[in-house]
PDB file of N, CA and C in Angstrom:
ATOM      1  N   MET A   1     -17.637 -56.563  55.410  1.00  0.00           N
ATOM      2  CA  MET A   1     -18.454 -56.923  54.268  1.00  0.00           C
ATOM      3  C   MET A   1     -19.037 -55.649  53.666  1.00  0.00           C
ATOM      4  N   ARG A   2     -18.943 -55.553  52.363  1.00  0.00           N
ATOM      5  CA  ARG A   2     -19.443 -54.362  51.669  1.00  0.00           C
ATOM      6  C   ARG A   2     -20.914 -54.523  51.321  1.00  0.00           C
ATOM      7  N   THR A   3     -21.586 -53.400  51.327  1.00  0.00           N
ATOM      8  CA  THR A   3     -22.967 -53.399  50.863  1.00  0.00           C
ATOM      9  C   THR A   3     -22.955 -53.356  49.340  1.00  0.00           C
ATOM     10  N   PRO A   4     -24.055 -53.726  48.689  1.00  0.00           N
ATOM     11  CA  PRO A   4     -24.098 -53.647  47.227  1.00  0.00           C
ATOM     12  C   PRO A   4     -23.828 -52.231  46.708  1.00  0.00           C
ATOM     13  N   LEU A   5     -24.276 -51.229  47.432  1.00  0.00           N
ATOM     14  CA  LEU A   5     -24.050 -49.846  47.004  1.00  0.00           C
ATOM     15  C   LEU A   5     -22.561 -49.487  47.071  1.00  0.00           C
ATOM     16  N   GLN A   6     -21.880 -49.951  48.112  1.00  0.00           N
ATOM     17  CA  GLN A   6     -20.440 -49.703  48.215  1.00  0.00           C
ATOM     18  C   GLN A   6     -19.682 -50.416  47.092  1.00  0.00           C
ATOM     19  N   THR A   7     -20.081 -51.642  46.804  1.00  0.00           N
ATOM     20  CA  THR A   7     -19.454 -52.389  45.715  1.00  0.00           C
ATOM     21  C   THR A   7     -19.661 -51.685  44.382  1.00  0.00           C
ATOM     22  N   LEU A   8     -20.856 -51.188  44.156  1.00  0.00           N
ATOM     23  CA  LEU A   8     -21.156 -50.445  42.926  1.00  0.00           C
ATOM     24  C   LEU A   8     -20.324 -49.168  42.846  1.00  0.00           C
ATOM     25  N   ALA A   9     -20.198 -48.459  43.948  1.00  0.00           N
ATOM     26  CA  ALA A   9     -19.414 -47.218  43.965  1.00  0.00           C
ATOM     27  C   ALA A   9     -17.937 -47.497  43.694  1.00  0.00           C
ATOM     28  N   ILE A  10     -17.405 -48.566  44.286  1.00  0.00           N
ATOM     29  CA  ILE A  10     -16.000 -48.919  44.063  1.00  0.00           C
ATOM     30  C   ILE A  10     -15.782 -49.328  42.614  1.00  0.00           C
ATOM     31  N   THR A  11     -16.705 -50.106  42.068  1.00  0.00           N
ATOM     32  CA  THR A  11     -16.601 -50.528  40.671  1.00  0.00           C
ATOM     33  C   THR A  11     -16.673 -49.331  39.732  1.00  0.00           C
ATOM     34  N   ALA A  12     -17.584 -48.406  39.992  1.00  0.00           N
ATOM     35  CA  ALA A  12     -17.716 -47.207  39.153  1.00  0.00           C
ATOM     36  C   ALA A  12     -16.461 -46.342  39.240  1.00  0.00           C
ATOM     37  N   ALA A  13     -15.908 -46.199  40.430  1.00  0.00           N
ATOM     38  CA  ALA A  13     -14.693 -45.399  40.591  1.00  0.00           C
ATOM     39  C   ALA A  13     -13.519 -46.045  39.860  1.00  0.00           C
ATOM     40  N   PHE A  14     -13.414 -47.366  39.942  1.00  0.00           N
ATOM     41  CA  PHE A  14     -12.338 -48.067  39.245  1.00  0.00           C
ATOM     42  C   PHE A  14     -12.508 -47.957  37.735  1.00  0.00           C
ATOM     43  N   ALA A  15     -13.747 -48.077  37.258  1.00  0.00           N
ATOM     44  CA  ALA A  15     -14.012 -47.936  35.823  1.00  0.00           C
ATOM     45  C   ALA A  15     -13.648 -46.527  35.352  1.00  0.00           C
ATOM     46  N   LEU A  16     -13.987 -45.522  36.127  1.00  0.00           N
ATOM     47  CA  LEU A  16     -13.632 -44.148  35.780  1.00  0.00           C
ATOM     48  C   LEU A  16     -12.116 -43.976  35.740  1.00  0.00           C
ATOM     49  N   LEU A  17     -11.430 -44.574  36.692  1.00  0.00           N
ATOM     50  CA  LEU A  17      -9.972 -44.519  36.692  1.00  0.00           C
ATOM     51  C   LEU A  17      -9.398 -45.167  35.434  1.00  0.00           C
ATOM     52  N   MET A  18      -9.938 -46.301  35.017  1.00  0.00           N
ATOM     53  CA  MET A  18      -9.459 -46.971  33.806  1.00  0.00           C
ATOM     54  C   MET A  18      -9.742 -46.131  32.563  1.00  0.00           C
ATOM     55  N   VAL A  19     -10.896 -45.457  32.520  1.00  0.00           N
ATOM     56  CA  VAL A  19     -11.203 -44.565  31.401  1.00  0.00           C
ATOM     57  C   VAL A  19     -10.162 -43.453  31.333  1.00  0.00           C
ATOM     58  N   ILE A  20      -9.812 -42.892  32.476  1.00  0.00           N
ATOM     59  CA  ILE A  20      -8.820 -41.814  32.511  1.00  0.00           C
ATOM     60  C   ILE A  20      -7.447 -42.332  32.090  1.00  0.00           C
ATOM     61  N   VAL A  21      -7.083 -43.521  32.550  1.00  0.00           N
ATOM     62  CA  VAL A  21      -5.779 -44.091  32.191  1.00  0.00           C
ATOM     63  C   VAL A  21      -5.697 -44.346  30.689  1.00  0.00           C
ATOM     64  N   VAL A  22      -6.731 -44.970  30.125  1.00  0.00           N
ATOM     65  CA  VAL A  22      -6.720 -45.249  28.686  1.00  0.00           C
ATOM     66  C   VAL A  22      -6.755 -43.948  27.888  1.00  0.00           C
ATOM     67  N   LEU A  23      -7.551 -42.984  28.334  1.00  0.00           N
ATOM     68  CA  LEU A  23      -7.613 -41.696  27.645  1.00  0.00           C
ATOM     69  C   LEU A  23      -6.265 -40.987  27.692  1.00  0.00           C
ATOM     70  N   ALA A  24      -5.584 -41.050  28.816  1.00  0.00           N
ATOM     71  CA  ALA A  24      -4.255 -40.433  28.926  1.00  0.00           C
ATOM     72  C   ALA A  24      -3.246 -41.148  28.033  1.00  0.00           C
ATOM     73  N   SER A  25      -3.424 -42.459  27.854  1.00  0.00           N
ATOM     74  CA  SER A  25      -2.456 -43.203  27.051  1.00  0.00           C
ATOM     75  C   SER A  25      -2.601 -42.945  25.557  1.00  0.00           C
ATOM     76  N   ILE A  26      -3.756 -42.453  25.118  1.00  0.00           N
ATOM     77  CA  ILE A  26      -3.920 -42.159  23.690  1.00  0.00           C
ATOM     78  C   ILE A  26      -3.857 -40.657  23.404  1.00  0.00           C
ATOM     79  N   TYR A  27      -3.499 -39.854  24.419  1.00  0.00           N
ATOM     80  CA  TYR A  27      -3.398 -38.420  24.220  1.00  0.00           C
ATOM     81  C   TYR A  27      -2.470 -38.138  23.046  1.00  0.00           C
ATOM     82  N   PRO A  28      -2.739 -37.240  22.150  1.00  0.00           N
ATOM     83  CA  PRO A  28      -3.707 -36.155  22.127  1.00  0.00           C
ATOM     84  C   PRO A  28      -5.040 -36.527  21.482  1.00  0.00           C
ATOM     85  N   TYR A  29      -5.271 -37.814  21.236  1.00  0.00           N
ATOM     86  CA  TYR A  29      -6.528 -38.213  20.602  1.00  0.00           C
ATOM     87  C   TYR A  29      -7.632 -38.338  21.636  1.00  0.00           C
ATOM     88  N   ARG A  30      -8.862 -38.184  21.166  1.00  0.00           N
ATOM     89  CA  ARG A  30     -10.036 -38.336  22.007  1.00  0.00           C
ATOM     90  C   ARG A  30     -11.197 -38.757  21.122  1.00  0.00           C
ATOM     91  N   PRO A  31     -12.203 -39.412  21.683  1.00  0.00           N
ATOM     92  CA  PRO A  31     -13.392 -39.734  20.882  1.00  0.00           C
ATOM     93  C   PRO A  31     -14.033 -38.445  20.386  1.00  0.00           C
ATOM     94  N   ASN A  32     -14.567 -38.461  19.150  1.00  0.00           N
ATOM     95  CA  ASN A  32     -15.087 -37.217  18.582  1.00  0.00           C
ATOM     96  C   ASN A  32     -16.600 -37.177  18.424  1.00  0.00           C
ATOM     97  N   SER A  33     -17.330 -38.107  19.025  1.00  0.00           N
ATOM     98  CA  SER A  33     -18.786 -38.063  18.999  1.00  0.00           C
ATOM     99  C   SER A  33     -19.314 -38.689  20.284  1.00  0.00           C
ATOM    100  N   VAL A  34     -20.588 -38.474  20.552  1.00  0.00           N
ATOM    101  CA  VAL A  34     -21.196 -39.044  21.747  1.00  0.00           C
ATOM    102  C   VAL A  34     -21.133 -40.570  21.684  1.00  0.00           C
ATOM    103  N   GLN A  35     -21.417 -41.126  20.518  1.00  0.00           N
ATOM    104  CA  GLN A  35     -21.367 -42.574  20.354  1.00  0.00           C
ATOM    105  C   GLN A  35     -19.950 -43.099  20.604  1.00  0.00           C
ATOM    106  N   ALA A  36     -18.955 -42.404  20.095  1.00  0.00           N
ATOM    107  CA  ALA A  36     -17.572 -42.823  20.311  1.00  0.00           C
ATOM    108  C   ALA A  36     -17.199 -42.750  21.791  1.00  0.00           C
ATOM    109  N   TRP A  37     -17.677 -41.722  22.514  1.00  0.00           N
ATOM    110  CA  TRP A  37     -17.413 -41.616  23.945  1.00  0.00           C
ATOM    111  C   TRP A  37     -18.054 -42.766  24.712  1.00  0.00           C
ATOM    112  N   VAL A  38     -19.281 -43.125  24.342  1.00  0.00           N
ATOM    113  CA  VAL A  38     -19.966 -44.232  25.022  1.00  0.00           C
ATOM    114  C   VAL A  38     -19.203 -45.537  24.805  1.00  0.00           C
ATOM    115  N   VAL A  39     -18.843 -45.805  23.555  1.00  0.00           N
ATOM    116  CA  VAL A  39     -18.086 -47.021  23.253  1.00  0.00           C
ATOM    117  C   VAL A  39     -16.735 -46.997  23.971  1.00  0.00           C
ATOM    118  N   PHE A  40     -16.078 -45.863  23.977  1.00  0.00           N
ATOM    119  CA  PHE A  40     -14.783 -45.724  24.647  1.00  0.00           C
ATOM    120  C   PHE A  40     -14.906 -46.031  26.137  1.00  0.00           C
ATOM    121  N   CYS A  41     -15.914 -45.462  26.780  1.00  0.00           N
ATOM    122  CA  CYS A  41     -16.097 -45.687  28.218  1.00  0.00           C
ATOM    123  C   CYS A  41     -16.453 -47.138  28.527  1.00  0.00           C
ATOM    124  N   ILE A  42     -17.254 -47.760  27.673  1.00  0.00           N
ATOM    125  CA  ILE A  42     -17.650 -49.152  27.905  1.00  0.00           C
ATOM    126  C   ILE A  42     -16.475 -50.100  27.688  1.00  0.00           C
ATOM    127  N   THR A  43     -15.632 -49.810  26.719  1.00  0.00           N
ATOM    128  CA  THR A  43     -14.539 -50.729  26.387  1.00  0.00           C
ATOM    129  C   THR A  43     -13.237 -50.452  27.138  1.00  0.00           C
ATOM    130  N   SER A  44     -13.107 -49.326  27.800  1.00  0.00           N
ATOM    131  CA  SER A  44     -11.850 -48.999  28.481  1.00  0.00           C
ATOM    132  C   SER A  44     -11.488 -50.011  29.554  1.00  0.00           C
ATOM    133  N   LEU A  45     -12.442 -50.414  30.355  1.00  0.00           N
ATOM    134  CA  LEU A  45     -12.151 -51.346  31.436  1.00  0.00           C
ATOM    135  C   LEU A  45     -11.715 -52.715  30.911  1.00  0.00           C
ATOM    136  N   PRO A  46     -12.459 -53.329  29.978  1.00  0.00           N
ATOM    137  CA  PRO A  46     -11.990 -54.614  29.456  1.00  0.00           C
ATOM    138  C   PRO A  46     -10.649 -54.517  28.717  1.00  0.00           C
ATOM    139  N   VAL A  47     -10.421 -53.430  28.005  1.00  0.00           N
ATOM    140  CA  VAL A  47      -9.155 -53.264  27.291  1.00  0.00           C
ATOM    141  C   VAL A  47      -7.997 -53.164  28.285  1.00  0.00           C
ATOM    142  N   ALA A  48      -8.177 -52.383  29.336  1.00  0.00           N
ATOM    143  CA  ALA A  48      -7.125 -52.249  30.343  1.00  0.00           C
ATOM    144  C   ALA A  48      -6.824 -53.595  31.002  1.00  0.00           C
ATOM    145  N   PHE A  49      -7.874 -54.350  31.344  1.00  0.00           N
ATOM    146  CA  PHE A  49      -7.672 -55.674  31.933  1.00  0.00           C
ATOM    147  C   PHE A  49      -6.996 -56.630  30.959  1.00  0.00           C
ATOM    148  N   ALA A  50      -7.410 -56.600  29.699  1.00  0.00           N
ATOM    149  CA  ALA A  50      -6.836 -57.502  28.694  1.00  0.00           C
ATOM    150  C   ALA A  50      -5.350 -57.223  28.490  1.00  0.00           C
ATOM    151  N   LEU A  51      -4.984 -55.959  28.408  1.00  0.00           N
ATOM    152  CA  LEU A  51      -3.571 -55.617  28.224  1.00  0.00           C
ATOM    153  C   LEU A  51      -2.748 -55.982  29.451  1.00  0.00           C
ATOM    154  N   GLU A  52      -3.290 -55.749  30.635  1.00  0.00           N
ATOM    155  CA  GLU A  52      -2.590 -56.115  31.860  1.00  0.00           C
ATOM    156  C   GLU A  52      -2.412 -57.630  31.951  1.00  0.00           C
ATOM    157  N   TYR A  53      -3.449 -58.374  31.630  1.00  0.00           N
ATOM    158  CA  TYR A  53      -3.395 -59.830  31.668  1.00  0.00           C
ATOM    159  C   TYR A  53      -2.382 -60.356  30.647  1.00  0.00           C
ATOM    160  N   THR A  54      -2.428 -59.811  29.434  1.00  0.00           N
ATOM    161  CA  THR A  54      -1.500 -60.247  28.392  1.00  0.00           C
ATOM    162  C   THR A  54      -0.053 -59.973  28.796  1.00  0.00           C
ATOM    163  N   GLY A  55       0.205 -58.791  29.298  1.00  0.00           N
ATOM    164  CA  GLY A  55       1.561 -58.456  29.728  1.00  0.00           C
ATOM    165  C   GLY A  55       2.046 -59.355  30.845  1.00  0.00           C
ATOM    166  N   THR A  56       1.174 -59.643  31.795  1.00  0.00           N
ATOM    167  CA  THR A  56       1.542 -60.511  32.905  1.00  0.00           C
ATOM    168  C   THR A  56       1.822 -61.929  32.428  1.00  0.00           C
ATOM    169  N   ARG A  57       0.963 -62.453  31.569  1.00  0.00           N
ATOM    170  CA  ARG A  57       1.138 -63.822  31.073  1.00  0.00           C
ATOM    171  C   ARG A  57       2.397 -63.949  30.215  1.00  0.00           C
ATOM    172  N   VAL A  58       2.651 -62.971  29.369  1.00  0.00           N
ATOM    173  CA  VAL A  58       3.800 -63.045  28.460  1.00  0.00           C
ATOM    174  C   VAL A  58       5.118 -62.881  29.215  1.00  0.00           C
ATOM    175  N   LEU A  59       5.136 -62.020  30.215  1.00  0.00           N
ATOM    176  CA  LEU A  59       6.396 -61.736  30.904  1.00  0.00           C
ATOM    177  C   LEU A  59       6.668 -62.660  32.092  1.00  0.00           C
ATOM    178  N   ASN A  60       5.705 -63.493  32.481  1.00  0.00           N
ATOM    179  CA  ASN A  60       5.906 -64.386  33.626  1.00  0.00           C
ATOM    180  C   ASN A  60       5.893 -65.855  33.230  1.00  0.00           C
ATOM    181  N   LEU A  61       6.356 -66.164  32.044  1.00  0.00           N
ATOM    182  CA  LEU A  61       6.438 -67.555  31.613  1.00  0.00           C
ATOM    183  C   LEU A  61       7.609 -68.242  32.309  1.00  0.00           C
ATOM    184  N   GLY A  62       7.447 -69.530  32.613  1.00  0.00           N
ATOM    185  CA  GLY A  62       8.453 -70.259  33.378  1.00  0.00           C
ATOM    186  C   GLY A  62       9.801 -70.385  32.704  1.00  0.00           C
ATOM    187  N   PHE A  63       9.811 -70.565  31.390  1.00  0.00           N
ATOM    188  CA  PHE A  63      11.092 -70.791  30.716  1.00  0.00           C
ATOM    189  C   PHE A  63      11.965 -69.542  30.683  1.00  0.00           C
ATOM    190  N   ILE A  64      11.395 -68.389  30.917  1.00  0.00           N
ATOM    191  CA  ILE A  64      12.171 -67.140  30.886  1.00  0.00           C
ATOM    192  C   ILE A  64      13.156 -67.085  32.049  1.00  0.00           C
ATOM    193  N   ALA A  65      12.823 -67.739  33.155  1.00  0.00           N
ATOM    194  CA  ALA A  65      13.703 -67.730  34.331  1.00  0.00           C
ATOM    195  C   ALA A  65      15.062 -68.363  34.028  1.00  0.00           C
ATOM    196  N   ARG A  66      15.125 -69.243  33.043  1.00  0.00           N
ATOM    197  CA  ARG A  66      16.396 -69.893  32.685  1.00  0.00           C
ATOM    198  C   ARG A  66      17.295 -68.996  31.849  1.00  0.00           C
ATOM    199  N   PHE A  67      16.729 -67.944  31.276  1.00  0.00           N
ATOM    200  CA  PHE A  67      17.545 -67.017  30.491  1.00  0.00           C
ATOM    201  C   PHE A  67      18.429 -66.223  31.441  1.00  0.00           C
ATOM    202  N   GLY A  68      19.503 -65.717  30.913  1.00  0.00           N
ATOM    203  CA  GLY A  68      20.335 -64.809  31.697  1.00  0.00           C
ATOM    204  C   GLY A  68      19.663 -63.439  31.752  1.00  0.00           C
ATOM    205  N   ARG A  69      20.319 -62.538  32.425  1.00  0.00           N
ATOM    206  CA  ARG A  69      19.772 -61.184  32.569  1.00  0.00           C
ATOM    207  C   ARG A  69      19.531 -60.541  31.207  1.00  0.00           C
ATOM    208  N   PHE A  70      20.526 -60.612  30.332  1.00  0.00           N
ATOM    209  CA  PHE A  70      20.408 -60.014  29.006  1.00  0.00           C
ATOM    210  C   PHE A  70      19.295 -60.692  28.205  1.00  0.00           C
ATOM    211  N   GLY A  71      19.181 -62.008  28.325  1.00  0.00           N
ATOM    212  CA  GLY A  71      18.140 -62.740  27.615  1.00  0.00           C
ATOM    213  C   GLY A  71      16.741 -62.348  28.065  1.00  0.00           C
ATOM    214  N   ARG A  72      16.561 -62.166  29.383  1.00  0.00           N
ATOM    215  CA  ARG A  72      15.242 -61.758  29.899  1.00  0.00           C
ATOM    216  C   ARG A  72      14.887 -60.359  29.427  1.00  0.00           C
ATOM    217  N   ILE A  73      15.851 -59.461  29.440  1.00  0.00           N
ATOM    218  CA  ILE A  73      15.598 -58.088  28.987  1.00  0.00           C
ATOM    219  C   ILE A  73      15.267 -58.084  27.498  1.00  0.00           C
ATOM    220  N   THR A  74      16.030 -58.834  26.710  1.00  0.00           N
ATOM    221  CA  THR A  74      15.770 -58.912  25.269  1.00  0.00           C
ATOM    222  C   THR A  74      14.390 -59.501  25.008  1.00  0.00           C
ATOM    223  N   TYR A  75      14.043 -60.573  25.714  1.00  0.00           N
ATOM    224  CA  TYR A  75      12.724 -61.189  25.557  1.00  0.00           C
ATOM    225  C   TYR A  75      11.619 -60.176  25.874  1.00  0.00           C
ATOM    226  N   ALA A  76      11.760 -59.453  26.982  1.00  0.00           N
ATOM    227  CA  ALA A  76      10.737 -58.484  27.380  1.00  0.00           C
ATOM    228  C   ALA A  76      10.593 -57.369  26.349  1.00  0.00           C
ATOM    229  N   VAL A  77      11.716 -56.881  25.832  1.00  0.00           N
ATOM    230  CA  VAL A  77      11.657 -55.812  24.830  1.00  0.00           C
ATOM    231  C   VAL A  77      10.963 -56.303  23.558  1.00  0.00           C
ATOM    232  N   VAL A  78      11.317 -57.498  23.101  1.00  0.00           N
ATOM    233  CA  VAL A  78      10.696 -58.045  21.890  1.00  0.00           C
ATOM    234  C   VAL A  78       9.208 -58.310  22.119  1.00  0.00           C
ATOM    235  N   ALA A  79       8.860 -58.912  23.256  1.00  0.00           N
ATOM    236  CA  ALA A  79       7.457 -59.225  23.545  1.00  0.00           C
ATOM    237  C   ALA A  79       6.617 -57.955  23.636  1.00  0.00           C
ATOM    238  N   MET A  80       7.118 -56.954  24.350  1.00  0.00           N
ATOM    239  CA  MET A  80       6.342 -55.709  24.491  1.00  0.00           C
ATOM    240  C   MET A  80       6.264 -54.960  23.170  1.00  0.00           C
ATOM    241  N   THR A  81       7.305 -55.040  22.340  1.00  0.00           N
ATOM    242  CA  THR A  81       7.249 -54.421  21.015  1.00  0.00           C
ATOM    243  C   THR A  81       6.154 -55.058  20.172  1.00  0.00           C
ATOM    244  N   LEU A  82       6.063 -56.377  20.211  1.00  0.00           N
ATOM    245  CA  LEU A  82       5.005 -57.066  19.458  1.00  0.00           C
ATOM    246  C   LEU A  82       3.616 -56.702  19.977  1.00  0.00           C
ATOM    247  N   ILE A  83       3.461 -56.647  21.283  1.00  0.00           N
ATOM    248  CA  ILE A  83       2.169 -56.258  21.856  1.00  0.00           C
ATOM    249  C   ILE A  83       1.811 -54.836  21.441  1.00  0.00           C
ATOM    250  N   LEU A  84       2.772 -53.926  21.503  1.00  0.00           N
ATOM    251  CA  LEU A  84       2.507 -52.538  21.114  1.00  0.00           C
ATOM    252  C   LEU A  84       2.212 -52.414  19.629  1.00  0.00           C
ATOM    253  N   LEU A  85       2.824 -53.234  18.796  1.00  0.00           N
ATOM    254  CA  LEU A  85       2.509 -53.218  17.364  1.00  0.00           C
ATOM    255  C   LEU A  85       1.063 -53.662  17.119  1.00  0.00           C
ATOM    256  N   VAL A  86       0.621 -54.678  17.839  1.00  0.00           N
ATOM    257  CA  VAL A  86      -0.773 -55.124  17.713  1.00  0.00           C
ATOM    258  C   VAL A  86      -1.728 -54.031  18.183  1.00  0.00           C
ATOM    259  N   VAL A  87      -1.422 -53.413  19.314  1.00  0.00           N
ATOM    260  CA  VAL A  87      -2.265 -52.328  19.829  1.00  0.00           C
ATOM    261  C   VAL A  87      -2.263 -51.153  18.847  1.00  0.00           C
ATOM    262  N   GLY A  88      -1.093 -50.822  18.288  1.00  0.00           N
ATOM    263  CA  GLY A  88      -1.011 -49.730  17.314  1.00  0.00           C
ATOM    264  C   GLY A  88      -1.809 -50.008  16.057  1.00  0.00           C
ATOM    265  N   ALA A  89      -1.781 -51.256  15.583  1.00  0.00           N
ATOM    266  CA  ALA A  89      -2.578 -51.616  14.407  1.00  0.00           C
ATOM    267  C   ALA A  89      -4.062 -51.505  14.723  1.00  0.00           C
ATOM    268  N   PHE A  90      -4.454 -51.939  15.916  1.00  0.00           N
ATOM    269  CA  PHE A  90      -5.854 -51.823  16.326  1.00  0.00           C
ATOM    270  C   PHE A  90      -6.265 -50.357  16.427  1.00  0.00           C
ATOM    271  N   PHE A  91      -5.356 -49.522  16.949  1.00  0.00           N
ATOM    272  CA  PHE A  91      -5.665 -48.094  17.069  1.00  0.00           C
ATOM    273  C   PHE A  91      -5.813 -47.450  15.692  1.00  0.00           C
ATOM    274  N   LYS A  92      -5.026 -47.901  14.713  1.00  0.00           N
ATOM    275  CA  LYS A  92      -5.152 -47.362  13.348  1.00  0.00           C
ATOM    276  C   LYS A  92      -6.543 -47.630  12.790  1.00  0.00           C
ATOM    277  N   VAL A  93      -7.122 -48.779  13.114  1.00  0.00           N
ATOM    278  CA  VAL A  93      -8.471 -49.105  12.661  1.00  0.00           C
ATOM    279  C   VAL A  93      -9.482 -48.162  13.314  1.00  0.00           C
ATOM    280  N   LEU A  94      -9.257 -47.809  14.571  1.00  0.00           N
ATOM    281  CA  LEU A  94     -10.194 -46.958  15.302  1.00  0.00           C
ATOM    282  C   LEU A  94      -9.939 -45.469  15.121  1.00  0.00           C
ATOM    283  N   GLU A  95      -8.826 -45.110  14.513  1.00  0.00           N
ATOM    284  CA  GLU A  95      -8.430 -43.701  14.414  1.00  0.00           C
ATOM    285  C   GLU A  95      -9.479 -42.786  13.774  1.00  0.00           C
ATOM    286  N   PRO A  96     -10.246 -43.222  12.770  1.00  0.00           N
ATOM    287  CA  PRO A  96     -11.263 -42.321  12.220  1.00  0.00           C
ATOM    288  C   PRO A  96     -12.312 -41.877  13.236  1.00  0.00           C
ATOM    289  N   TYR A  97     -12.460 -42.624  14.314  1.00  0.00           N
ATOM    290  CA  TYR A  97     -13.449 -42.290  15.327  1.00  0.00           C
ATOM    291  C   TYR A  97     -12.892 -41.364  16.409  1.00  0.00           C
ATOM    292  N   PHE A  98     -11.627 -41.000  16.269  1.00  0.00           N
ATOM    293  CA  PHE A  98     -10.989 -40.130  17.239  1.00  0.00           C
ATOM    294  C   PHE A  98     -10.612 -38.797  16.598  1.00  0.00           C
ATOM    295  N   GLY A  99     -10.684 -37.741  17.391  1.00  0.00           N
ATOM    296  CA  GLY A  99     -10.201 -36.426  16.991  1.00  0.00           C
ATOM    297  C   GLY A  99      -9.072 -36.040  17.919  1.00  0.00           C
ATOM    298  N   LYS A 100      -8.541 -34.849  17.743  1.00  0.00           N
ATOM    299  CA  LYS A 100      -7.484 -34.383  18.633  1.00  0.00           C
ATOM    300  C   LYS A 100      -8.073 -33.300  19.530  1.00  0.00           C
ATOM    301  N   TRP A 101      -7.546 -33.217  20.758  1.00  0.00           N
ATOM    302  CA  TRP A 101      -8.000 -32.181  21.678  1.00  0.00           C
ATOM    303  C   TRP A 101      -7.684 -30.823  21.062  1.00  0.00           C
ATOM    304  N   GLY A 102      -8.612 -29.913  21.169  1.00  0.00           N
ATOM    305  CA  GLY A 102      -8.423 -28.571  20.655  1.00  0.00           C
ATOM    306  C   GLY A 102      -8.685 -28.404  19.177  1.00  0.00           C
ATOM    307  N   SER A 103      -9.147 -29.467  18.508  1.00  0.00           N
ATOM    308  CA  SER A 103      -9.411 -29.337  17.066  1.00  0.00           C
ATOM    309  C   SER A 103     -10.891 -29.348  16.796  1.00  0.00           C
TER     310      SER A 103
END
């Protein structure tokens, strides 16, 4: 059984890991103000969970098992392309709040 302090430390470490993962995924962009960094750190964990959940739900639907190998691959490529287009459109909205490393 974990103590509350251990649970807090594990949660903080996991949140930091998610911040690093999301930050690495948008490289070379980075938040360009203190406010943007705070919002980025607060939203990184829910965004990472939401994308993981969406990918799992979309790719593990029951009817996909009836498709052949080529059909499953085609479905996955189309589904992930649509998800990435939505994420890209969302990133375009947030782009003014990001700068590039070294600029």
